[in-house]
Amino acid sequence: MRPADDADIPFLWALFATDEVSYRWVYRGRIPTPESIRMNLQRPDVLGHIIEDTRGQKQLGYVGAFDVNDRNGHAQLGTVVGPDQQQTGVGVTATMLFADYLFTILPLRKLYLQSLDYNYAQFSSLVSRGYASVEGVLREHEFFAGRYWDIHVLSVTREQFKLASERMRLRER
């Protein structure tokens, strides 16, 4: 992983415009302009990184923290990978590495993740394993594809992340 910069805008634009990705990501089917992507990357409350293969030769996705709030110690976390990388573990691995990075360099105590109903199954195992907590559900909060959807708000505390990291290290042995 490495910080995203202006040279990544064509990749990000193509990624966010992909049908398999756009409805799961914050744009919900709306395609951002390259200029809006550039503006988001330059926001002071956004830390965006490109997920690359181990040789740094191929861009695989994007992981970012946004609405970073140093004063209150929290941020929103989002990860998106290309269709050819879904279900491969690349997104989960990148998210864990990025969360570790965030908890190391920033005085964060909590990371938030949000998911619409149709995408929530991808996150539910985090809750059942104790790696995340349900903070709440915003009922019929977001309109997409002809209807209103609930948004599930999850959080991962610094302590939960430390525990999850330790469990993962034990499994790798």
N, C-alpha and C. Protein backbone atom coordinates (compact mmCIF):
# COMPACT_ATOMS: atom_id res chain seq x y z
N MET A 1 0.83 -1.18 0.00
CA MET A 1 0.00 0.00 0.00
C MET A 1 0.88 1.25 0.00
N ARG A 2 0.31 2.28 -0.56
CA ARG A 2 1.02 3.55 -0.58
C ARG A 2 -0.03 4.67 -0.65
N PRO A 3 0.35 5.88 -0.24
CA PRO A 3 -0.61 6.99 -0.33
C PRO A 3 -1.06 7.24 -1.77
N ALA A 4 -2.33 7.51 -1.94
CA ALA A 4 -2.87 7.84 -3.26
C ALA A 4 -2.46 9.26 -3.62
N ASP A 5 -2.21 9.48 -4.91
CA ASP A 5 -1.88 10.82 -5.38
C ASP A 5 -2.55 11.06 -6.74
N ASP A 6 -2.28 12.21 -7.32
CA ASP A 6 -2.95 12.58 -8.57
C ASP A 6 -2.72 11.56 -9.70
N ALA A 7 -1.58 10.89 -9.70
CA ALA A 7 -1.30 9.90 -10.75
C ALA A 7 -2.26 8.71 -10.67
N ASP A 8 -2.93 8.53 -9.52
CA ASP A 8 -3.86 7.41 -9.34
C ASP A 8 -5.29 7.74 -9.76
N ILE A 9 -5.55 8.98 -10.12
CA ILE A 9 -6.92 9.39 -10.43
C ILE A 9 -7.52 8.59 -11.58
N PRO A 10 -6.82 8.32 -12.67
CA PRO A 10 -7.44 7.49 -13.72
C PRO A 10 -7.83 6.09 -13.21
N PHE A 11 -6.96 5.47 -12.40
CA PHE A 11 -7.29 4.17 -11.83
C PHE A 11 -8.52 4.26 -10.92
N LEU A 12 -8.55 5.26 -10.04
CA LEU A 12 -9.67 5.41 -9.12
C LEU A 12 -10.96 5.69 -9.86
N TRP A 13 -10.89 6.53 -10.87
CA TRP A 13 -12.08 6.83 -11.65
C TRP A 13 -12.63 5.56 -12.30
N ALA A 14 -11.74 4.77 -12.90
CA ALA A 14 -12.17 3.51 -13.53
C ALA A 14 -12.73 2.54 -12.48
N LEU A 15 -12.09 2.46 -11.31
CA LEU A 15 -12.55 1.58 -10.24
C LEU A 15 -13.94 1.99 -9.76
N PHE A 16 -14.11 3.26 -9.47
CA PHE A 16 -15.40 3.73 -8.94
C PHE A 16 -16.51 3.65 -9.98
N ALA A 17 -16.15 3.64 -11.26
CA ALA A 17 -17.16 3.59 -12.33
C ALA A 17 -17.54 2.16 -12.70
N THR A 18 -16.83 1.16 -12.18
CA THR A 18 -17.12 -0.23 -12.49
C THR A 18 -18.46 -0.63 -11.87
N ASP A 19 -19.34 -1.23 -12.65
CA ASP A 19 -20.67 -1.60 -12.16
C ASP A 19 -20.61 -2.44 -10.89
N GLU A 20 -19.72 -3.42 -10.84
CA GLU A 20 -19.64 -4.32 -9.69
C GLU A 20 -19.17 -3.60 -8.43
N VAL A 21 -18.57 -2.45 -8.58
CA VAL A 21 -18.01 -1.71 -7.46
C VAL A 21 -18.88 -0.51 -7.08
N SER A 22 -19.36 0.20 -8.06
CA SER A 22 -19.98 1.51 -7.80
C SER A 22 -21.18 1.44 -6.87
N TYR A 23 -21.97 0.38 -6.92
CA TYR A 23 -23.14 0.34 -6.06
C TYR A 23 -22.78 -0.01 -4.61
N ARG A 24 -21.58 -0.54 -4.37
CA ARG A 24 -21.15 -0.87 -3.01
C ARG A 24 -20.38 0.28 -2.36
N TRP A 25 -19.83 1.16 -3.16
CA TRP A 25 -18.98 2.24 -2.66
C TRP A 25 -19.82 3.47 -2.41
N VAL A 26 -19.26 4.48 -1.81
CA VAL A 26 -20.00 5.66 -1.36
C VAL A 26 -20.75 6.39 -2.47
N TYR A 27 -20.36 6.19 -3.70
CA TYR A 27 -21.01 6.92 -4.79
C TYR A 27 -22.34 6.28 -5.19
N ARG A 28 -22.59 5.03 -4.78
CA ARG A 28 -23.85 4.32 -5.02
C ARG A 28 -24.34 4.44 -6.45
N GLY A 29 -23.48 4.10 -7.39
CA GLY A 29 -23.87 4.09 -8.78
C GLY A 29 -23.64 5.38 -9.52
N ARG A 30 -23.42 6.47 -8.79
CA ARG A 30 -23.08 7.73 -9.45
C ARG A 30 -21.59 7.74 -9.72
N ILE A 31 -21.22 8.13 -10.88
CA ILE A 31 -19.80 8.12 -11.25
C ILE A 31 -19.20 9.49 -10.94
N PRO A 32 -18.17 9.53 -10.08
CA PRO A 32 -17.55 10.81 -9.77
C PRO A 32 -16.72 11.29 -10.95
N THR A 33 -16.48 12.56 -11.00
CA THR A 33 -15.59 13.11 -12.01
C THR A 33 -14.15 12.97 -11.52
N PRO A 34 -13.20 12.96 -12.44
CA PRO A 34 -11.80 12.95 -11.99
C PRO A 34 -11.48 14.13 -11.07
N GLU A 35 -12.08 15.27 -11.34
CA GLU A 35 -11.83 16.45 -10.49
C GLU A 35 -12.37 16.24 -9.08
N SER A 36 -13.54 15.62 -8.94
CA SER A 36 -14.08 15.38 -7.59
C SER A 36 -13.21 14.36 -6.83
N ILE A 37 -12.65 13.40 -7.53
CA ILE A 37 -11.73 12.45 -6.89
C ILE A 37 -10.49 13.19 -6.41
N ARG A 38 -9.95 14.07 -7.25
CA ARG A 38 -8.78 14.86 -6.88
C ARG A 38 -9.08 15.70 -5.63
N MET A 39 -10.22 16.33 -5.62
CA MET A 39 -10.59 17.18 -4.48
C MET A 39 -10.71 16.34 -3.20
N ASN A 40 -11.29 15.15 -3.29
CA ASN A 40 -11.41 14.29 -2.11
C ASN A 40 -10.04 13.85 -1.60
N LEU A 41 -9.13 13.53 -2.51
CA LEU A 41 -7.79 13.12 -2.09
C LEU A 41 -7.04 14.24 -1.38
N GLN A 42 -7.39 15.49 -1.68
CA GLN A 42 -6.71 16.64 -1.09
C GLN A 42 -7.34 17.13 0.20
N ARG A 43 -8.48 16.56 0.58
CA ARG A 43 -9.14 16.99 1.82
C ARG A 43 -8.24 16.66 3.02
N PRO A 44 -8.15 17.58 3.98
CA PRO A 44 -7.28 17.33 5.14
C PRO A 44 -7.80 16.21 6.06
N ASP A 45 -9.08 15.86 5.96
CA ASP A 45 -9.64 14.82 6.83
C ASP A 45 -9.75 13.47 6.11
N VAL A 46 -9.00 13.32 5.01
CA VAL A 46 -8.99 12.07 4.25
C VAL A 46 -7.56 11.55 4.14
N LEU A 47 -7.40 10.26 4.45
CA LEU A 47 -6.13 9.57 4.22
C LEU A 47 -6.43 8.42 3.28
N GLY A 48 -6.05 8.55 2.04
CA GLY A 48 -6.35 7.52 1.05
C GLY A 48 -5.11 6.80 0.58
N HIS A 49 -5.21 5.47 0.47
CA HIS A 49 -4.07 4.66 0.04
C HIS A 49 -4.49 3.72 -1.09
N ILE A 50 -3.58 3.49 -1.98
CA ILE A 50 -3.77 2.55 -3.07
C ILE A 50 -3.30 1.17 -2.61
N ILE A 51 -4.12 0.18 -2.86
CA ILE A 51 -3.75 -1.21 -2.58
C ILE A 51 -3.06 -1.72 -3.84
N GLU A 52 -1.86 -2.22 -3.67
CA GLU A 52 -1.08 -2.72 -4.81
C GLU A 52 -0.68 -4.17 -4.58
N ASP A 53 -0.26 -4.83 -5.65
CA ASP A 53 0.30 -6.18 -5.50
C ASP A 53 1.64 -6.04 -4.78
N THR A 54 2.21 -7.15 -4.38
CA THR A 54 3.42 -7.11 -3.55
C THR A 54 4.62 -6.50 -4.25
N ARG A 55 4.60 -6.45 -5.56
CA ARG A 55 5.71 -5.85 -6.29
C ARG A 55 5.46 -4.39 -6.64
N GLY A 56 4.28 -3.88 -6.28
CA GLY A 56 3.96 -2.50 -6.58
C GLY A 56 3.74 -2.24 -8.05
N GLN A 57 3.38 -3.29 -8.80
CA GLN A 57 3.22 -3.15 -10.24
C GLN A 57 1.76 -3.06 -10.69
N LYS A 58 0.84 -3.46 -9.83
CA LYS A 58 -0.57 -3.44 -10.24
C LYS A 58 -1.43 -2.87 -9.11
N GLN A 59 -2.28 -1.92 -9.47
CA GLN A 59 -3.21 -1.33 -8.51
C GLN A 59 -4.40 -2.29 -8.37
N LEU A 60 -4.74 -2.61 -7.12
CA LEU A 60 -5.80 -3.58 -6.86
C LEU A 60 -7.05 -2.96 -6.24
N GLY A 61 -6.88 -1.81 -5.58
CA GLY A 61 -8.02 -1.20 -4.91
C GLY A 61 -7.61 0.05 -4.16
N TYR A 62 -8.49 0.44 -3.27
CA TYR A 62 -8.33 1.68 -2.51
C TYR A 62 -8.83 1.45 -1.09
N VAL A 63 -8.09 1.96 -0.13
CA VAL A 63 -8.53 1.95 1.26
C VAL A 63 -8.34 3.36 1.79
N GLY A 64 -9.33 3.84 2.53
CA GLY A 64 -9.23 5.21 2.99
C GLY A 64 -9.90 5.44 4.33
N ALA A 65 -9.35 6.40 5.03
CA ALA A 65 -9.98 6.92 6.25
C ALA A 65 -10.47 8.31 5.90
N PHE A 66 -11.70 8.59 6.28
CA PHE A 66 -12.24 9.91 6.01
C PHE A 66 -13.00 10.39 7.23
N ASP A 67 -13.31 11.66 7.24
CA ASP A 67 -13.86 12.31 8.44
C ASP A 67 -12.97 12.00 9.65
N VAL A 68 -11.66 12.05 9.43
CA VAL A 68 -10.71 11.79 10.51
C VAL A 68 -10.83 12.91 11.54
N ASN A 69 -11.10 12.54 12.77
CA ASN A 69 -11.32 13.50 13.84
C ASN A 69 -10.31 13.21 14.96
N ASP A 70 -9.17 13.90 14.91
CA ASP A 70 -8.12 13.70 15.92
C ASP A 70 -8.59 14.10 17.31
N ARG A 71 -9.38 15.13 17.39
CA ARG A 71 -9.82 15.65 18.69
C ARG A 71 -10.63 14.62 19.46
N ASN A 72 -11.56 13.96 18.76
CA ASN A 72 -12.43 12.98 19.42
C ASN A 72 -12.00 11.54 19.20
N GLY A 73 -10.97 11.34 18.38
CA GLY A 73 -10.37 10.03 18.24
C GLY A 73 -11.15 9.02 17.42
N HIS A 74 -11.75 9.46 16.33
CA HIS A 74 -12.44 8.50 15.47
C HIS A 74 -12.34 8.89 14.00
N ALA A 75 -12.61 7.91 13.14
CA ALA A 75 -12.59 8.13 11.70
C ALA A 75 -13.49 7.09 11.04
N GLN A 76 -13.93 7.38 9.83
CA GLN A 76 -14.66 6.42 9.01
C GLN A 76 -13.63 5.65 8.19
N LEU A 77 -13.90 4.38 7.95
CA LEU A 77 -12.98 3.54 7.21
C LEU A 77 -13.71 2.89 6.06
N GLY A 78 -13.10 2.90 4.88
CA GLY A 78 -13.71 2.26 3.72
C GLY A 78 -12.66 1.60 2.84
N THR A 79 -13.03 0.47 2.27
CA THR A 79 -12.15 -0.28 1.38
C THR A 79 -12.93 -0.70 0.15
N VAL A 80 -12.31 -0.59 -1.00
CA VAL A 80 -12.92 -1.06 -2.24
C VAL A 80 -11.83 -1.70 -3.10
N VAL A 81 -12.14 -2.86 -3.65
CA VAL A 81 -11.21 -3.53 -4.56
C VAL A 81 -11.93 -3.79 -5.87
N GLY A 82 -11.14 -4.00 -6.91
CA GLY A 82 -11.71 -4.29 -8.22
C GLY A 82 -12.44 -5.62 -8.23
N PRO A 83 -13.32 -5.81 -9.21
CA PRO A 83 -14.09 -7.05 -9.30
C PRO A 83 -13.23 -8.31 -9.32
N ASP A 84 -12.06 -8.24 -9.94
CA ASP A 84 -11.18 -9.41 -10.02
C ASP A 84 -10.49 -9.71 -8.69
N GLN A 85 -10.60 -8.81 -7.72
CA GLN A 85 -9.98 -9.01 -6.41
C GLN A 85 -10.98 -9.33 -5.30
N GLN A 86 -12.27 -9.26 -5.62
CA GLN A 86 -13.28 -9.57 -4.61
C GLN A 86 -13.24 -11.05 -4.25
N GLN A 87 -13.46 -11.33 -2.99
CA GLN A 87 -13.44 -12.69 -2.45
C GLN A 87 -12.05 -13.34 -2.48
N THR A 88 -11.00 -12.55 -2.60
CA THR A 88 -9.64 -13.10 -2.60
C THR A 88 -8.91 -12.88 -1.28
N GLY A 89 -9.47 -12.04 -0.42
CA GLY A 89 -8.81 -11.69 0.83
C GLY A 89 -7.97 -10.43 0.74
N VAL A 90 -7.79 -9.90 -0.46
CA VAL A 90 -6.99 -8.69 -0.63
C VAL A 90 -7.59 -7.51 0.14
N GLY A 91 -8.89 -7.34 0.05
CA GLY A 91 -9.55 -6.24 0.75
C GLY A 91 -9.43 -6.34 2.26
N VAL A 92 -9.63 -7.53 2.79
CA VAL A 92 -9.54 -7.75 4.23
C VAL A 92 -8.11 -7.50 4.71
N THR A 93 -7.15 -8.05 4.01
CA THR A 93 -5.74 -7.87 4.38
C THR A 93 -5.37 -6.40 4.35
N ALA A 94 -5.74 -5.70 3.28
CA ALA A 94 -5.42 -4.27 3.17
C ALA A 94 -6.10 -3.47 4.28
N THR A 95 -7.35 -3.82 4.60
CA THR A 95 -8.07 -3.11 5.66
C THR A 95 -7.39 -3.31 7.01
N MET A 96 -6.97 -4.53 7.30
CA MET A 96 -6.28 -4.79 8.56
C MET A 96 -4.95 -4.03 8.63
N LEU A 97 -4.18 -4.05 7.56
CA LEU A 97 -2.91 -3.31 7.54
C LEU A 97 -3.13 -1.81 7.70
N PHE A 98 -4.16 -1.30 7.02
CA PHE A 98 -4.44 0.13 7.08
C PHE A 98 -4.95 0.52 8.47
N ALA A 99 -5.80 -0.30 9.07
CA ALA A 99 -6.29 -0.02 10.43
C ALA A 99 -5.12 0.00 11.41
N ASP A 100 -4.19 -0.94 11.26
CA ASP A 100 -3.01 -0.97 12.11
C ASP A 100 -2.21 0.32 11.94
N TYR A 101 -2.04 0.74 10.71
CA TYR A 101 -1.35 1.99 10.40
C TYR A 101 -2.05 3.18 11.07
N LEU A 102 -3.38 3.24 10.94
CA LEU A 102 -4.13 4.36 11.52
C LEU A 102 -4.02 4.39 13.04
N PHE A 103 -4.19 3.22 13.67
CA PHE A 103 -4.10 3.17 15.13
C PHE A 103 -2.67 3.46 15.61
N THR A 104 -1.67 3.25 14.76
CA THR A 104 -0.28 3.51 15.13
C THR A 104 0.08 4.99 15.00
N ILE A 105 -0.38 5.64 13.92
CA ILE A 105 0.08 7.02 13.67
C ILE A 105 -0.87 8.09 14.20
N LEU A 106 -2.12 7.73 14.49
CA LEU A 106 -3.10 8.73 14.94
C LEU A 106 -3.64 8.37 16.32
N PRO A 107 -4.07 9.37 17.07
CA PRO A 107 -4.62 9.10 18.40
C PRO A 107 -6.09 8.64 18.30
N LEU A 108 -6.33 7.66 17.47
CA LEU A 108 -7.70 7.18 17.29
C LEU A 108 -8.05 6.13 18.34
N ARG A 109 -9.30 6.15 18.75
CA ARG A 109 -9.78 5.12 19.65
C ARG A 109 -10.83 4.24 18.99
N LYS A 110 -11.33 4.71 17.82
CA LYS A 110 -12.42 3.98 17.17
C LYS A 110 -12.45 4.27 15.68
N LEU A 111 -12.69 3.21 14.90
CA LEU A 111 -12.93 3.33 13.47
C LEU A 111 -14.36 2.91 13.18
N TYR A 112 -15.04 3.67 12.34
CA TYR A 112 -16.41 3.35 11.96
C TYR A 112 -16.45 2.77 10.55
N LEU A 113 -17.32 1.79 10.36
CA LEU A 113 -17.60 1.22 9.05
C LEU A 113 -19.11 1.31 8.84
N GLN A 114 -19.51 1.61 7.64
CA GLN A 114 -20.94 1.68 7.32
C GLN A 114 -21.26 0.76 6.16
N SER A 115 -22.44 0.16 6.23
CA SER A 115 -22.85 -0.74 5.16
C SER A 115 -24.35 -0.68 4.96
N LEU A 116 -24.76 -0.66 3.71
CA LEU A 116 -26.18 -0.79 3.40
C LEU A 116 -26.59 -2.24 3.60
N ASP A 117 -27.89 -2.48 3.76
CA ASP A 117 -28.42 -3.83 3.98
C ASP A 117 -27.85 -4.86 3.02
N TYR A 118 -27.87 -4.55 1.73
CA TYR A 118 -27.49 -5.55 0.74
C TYR A 118 -26.01 -5.92 0.79
N ASN A 119 -25.22 -5.16 1.50
CA ASN A 119 -23.79 -5.41 1.58
C ASN A 119 -23.37 -5.85 2.99
N TYR A 120 -24.31 -5.86 3.93
CA TYR A 120 -23.99 -6.08 5.33
C TYR A 120 -23.42 -7.48 5.60
N ALA A 121 -23.81 -8.47 4.84
CA ALA A 121 -23.32 -9.83 5.07
C ALA A 121 -21.80 -9.90 5.05
N GLN A 122 -21.17 -9.03 4.26
CA GLN A 122 -19.70 -9.03 4.20
C GLN A 122 -19.07 -8.59 5.52
N PHE A 123 -19.82 -7.90 6.36
CA PHE A 123 -19.29 -7.37 7.61
C PHE A 123 -19.77 -8.12 8.84
N SER A 124 -20.84 -8.89 8.71
CA SER A 124 -21.48 -9.50 9.88
C SER A 124 -20.54 -10.44 10.64
N SER A 125 -19.61 -11.09 9.95
CA SER A 125 -18.70 -11.99 10.65
C SER A 125 -17.75 -11.22 11.58
N LEU A 126 -17.47 -9.96 11.27
CA LEU A 126 -16.65 -9.15 12.17
C LEU A 126 -17.32 -9.01 13.53
N VAL A 127 -18.65 -8.85 13.51
CA VAL A 127 -19.41 -8.71 14.74
C VAL A 127 -19.48 -10.04 15.48
N SER A 128 -19.80 -11.11 14.76
CA SER A 128 -19.95 -12.41 15.42
C SER A 128 -18.64 -12.91 16.03
N ARG A 129 -17.52 -12.48 15.48
CA ARG A 129 -16.20 -12.87 16.02
C ARG A 129 -15.69 -11.91 17.08
N GLY A 130 -16.42 -10.83 17.34
CA GLY A 130 -16.01 -9.87 18.36
C GLY A 130 -15.01 -8.84 17.90
N TYR A 131 -14.76 -8.76 16.59
CA TYR A 131 -13.80 -7.80 16.06
C TYR A 131 -14.42 -6.42 15.87
N ALA A 132 -15.73 -6.35 15.86
CA ALA A 132 -16.44 -5.08 15.67
C ALA A 132 -17.73 -5.13 16.48
N SER A 133 -18.28 -3.97 16.71
CA SER A 133 -19.55 -3.84 17.44
C SER A 133 -20.55 -3.09 16.58
N VAL A 134 -21.81 -3.41 16.75
CA VAL A 134 -22.87 -2.66 16.07
C VAL A 134 -23.14 -1.42 16.90
N GLU A 135 -22.94 -0.27 16.29
CA GLU A 135 -23.22 1.00 16.96
C GLU A 135 -24.68 1.40 16.77
N GLY A 136 -25.24 1.00 15.63
CA GLY A 136 -26.63 1.34 15.39
C GLY A 136 -27.04 1.06 13.96
N VAL A 137 -28.32 1.28 13.71
CA VAL A 137 -28.87 1.12 12.37
C VAL A 137 -29.66 2.39 12.05
N LEU A 138 -29.35 3.00 10.94
CA LEU A 138 -30.10 4.16 10.46
C LEU A 138 -31.17 3.62 9.52
N ARG A 139 -32.40 3.59 9.98
CA ARG A 139 -33.49 2.97 9.25
C ARG A 139 -33.88 3.77 8.00
N GLU A 140 -34.03 3.04 6.89
CA GLU A 140 -34.44 3.63 5.61
C GLU A 140 -33.74 4.97 5.38
N HIS A 141 -32.45 4.95 5.48
CA HIS A 141 -31.64 6.16 5.49
C HIS A 141 -31.17 6.63 4.12
N GLU A 142 -30.91 5.69 3.24
CA GLU A 142 -30.31 6.06 1.96
C GLU A 142 -31.11 5.49 0.79
N PHE A 143 -31.40 6.37 -0.17
CA PHE A 143 -32.15 5.96 -1.35
C PHE A 143 -31.19 5.48 -2.44
N PHE A 144 -31.44 4.28 -2.94
CA PHE A 144 -30.63 3.72 -4.01
C PHE A 144 -31.43 2.62 -4.68
N ALA A 145 -31.35 2.55 -5.99
CA ALA A 145 -32.00 1.49 -6.79
C ALA A 145 -33.50 1.41 -6.52
N GLY A 146 -34.12 2.57 -6.42
CA GLY A 146 -35.58 2.61 -6.32
C GLY A 146 -36.18 2.40 -4.94
N ARG A 147 -35.34 2.34 -3.90
CA ARG A 147 -35.90 2.17 -2.56
C ARG A 147 -34.96 2.74 -1.51
N TYR A 148 -35.46 2.83 -0.28
CA TYR A 148 -34.65 3.27 0.84
C TYR A 148 -34.06 2.06 1.55
N TRP A 149 -32.80 2.20 1.94
CA TRP A 149 -32.07 1.12 2.59
C TRP A 149 -31.63 1.54 3.99
N ASP A 150 -31.56 0.57 4.89
CA ASP A 150 -30.97 0.80 6.20
C ASP A 150 -29.45 0.86 6.05
N ILE A 151 -28.83 1.67 6.89
CA ILE A 151 -27.37 1.69 6.98
C ILE A 151 -26.99 1.13 8.34
N HIS A 152 -26.14 0.13 8.34
CA HIS A 152 -25.60 -0.47 9.56
C HIS A 152 -24.29 0.25 9.88
N VAL A 153 -24.19 0.74 11.10
CA VAL A 153 -22.98 1.43 11.54
C VAL A 153 -22.26 0.52 12.52
N LEU A 154 -21.04 0.15 12.15
CA LEU A 154 -20.20 -0.70 13.00
C LEU A 154 -19.01 0.11 13.48
N SER A 155 -18.43 -0.33 14.58
CA SER A 155 -17.20 0.31 15.04
C SER A 155 -16.20 -0.76 15.44
N VAL A 156 -14.94 -0.38 15.30
CA VAL A 156 -13.82 -1.21 15.75
C VAL A 156 -13.00 -0.32 16.67
N THR A 157 -12.92 -0.70 17.94
CA THR A 157 -12.12 0.07 18.88
C THR A 157 -10.66 -0.36 18.79
N ARG A 158 -9.81 0.45 19.33
CA ARG A 158 -8.39 0.12 19.38
C ARG A 158 -8.19 -1.23 20.08
N GLU A 159 -8.93 -1.47 21.17
CA GLU A 159 -8.80 -2.72 21.92
C GLU A 159 -9.31 -3.92 21.10
N GLN A 160 -10.44 -3.76 20.42
CA GLN A 160 -10.95 -4.84 19.57
C GLN A 160 -9.96 -5.16 18.45
N PHE A 161 -9.37 -4.12 17.88
CA PHE A 161 -8.42 -4.35 16.80
C PHE A 161 -7.19 -5.09 17.32
N LYS A 162 -6.71 -4.70 18.48
CA LYS A 162 -5.54 -5.38 19.05
C LYS A 162 -5.86 -6.86 19.28
N LEU A 163 -7.02 -7.15 19.82
CA LEU A 163 -7.43 -8.53 20.05
C LEU A 163 -7.54 -9.31 18.73
N ALA A 164 -8.16 -8.68 17.73
CA ALA A 164 -8.30 -9.33 16.41
C ALA A 164 -6.93 -9.61 15.80
N SER A 165 -6.02 -8.66 15.92
CA SER A 165 -4.67 -8.84 15.37
C SER A 165 -3.96 -9.99 16.06
N GLU A 166 -4.09 -10.07 17.38
CA GLU A 166 -3.46 -11.16 18.13
C GLU A 166 -4.04 -12.52 17.71
N ARG A 167 -5.35 -12.59 17.57
CA ARG A 167 -5.98 -13.84 17.14
C ARG A 167 -5.50 -14.26 15.76
N MET A 168 -5.38 -13.29 14.85
CA MET A 168 -4.93 -13.60 13.49
C MET A 168 -3.49 -14.10 13.50
N ARG A 169 -2.65 -13.49 14.32
CA ARG A 169 -1.25 -13.94 14.41
C ARG A 169 -1.18 -15.37 14.95
N LEU A 170 -2.03 -15.70 15.92
CA LEU A 170 -2.05 -17.07 16.45
C LEU A 170 -2.47 -18.09 15.39
N ARG A 171 -3.44 -17.72 14.58
CA ARG A 171 -3.90 -18.63 13.52
C ARG A 171 -2.83 -18.85 12.46
N GLU A 172 -1.99 -17.87 12.22
CA GLU A 172 -0.95 -17.97 11.18
C GLU A 172 0.18 -18.89 11.60
N ARG A 173 0.30 -19.18 12.90
CA ARG A 173 1.40 -20.03 13.38
C ARG A 173 1.18 -21.47 13.07
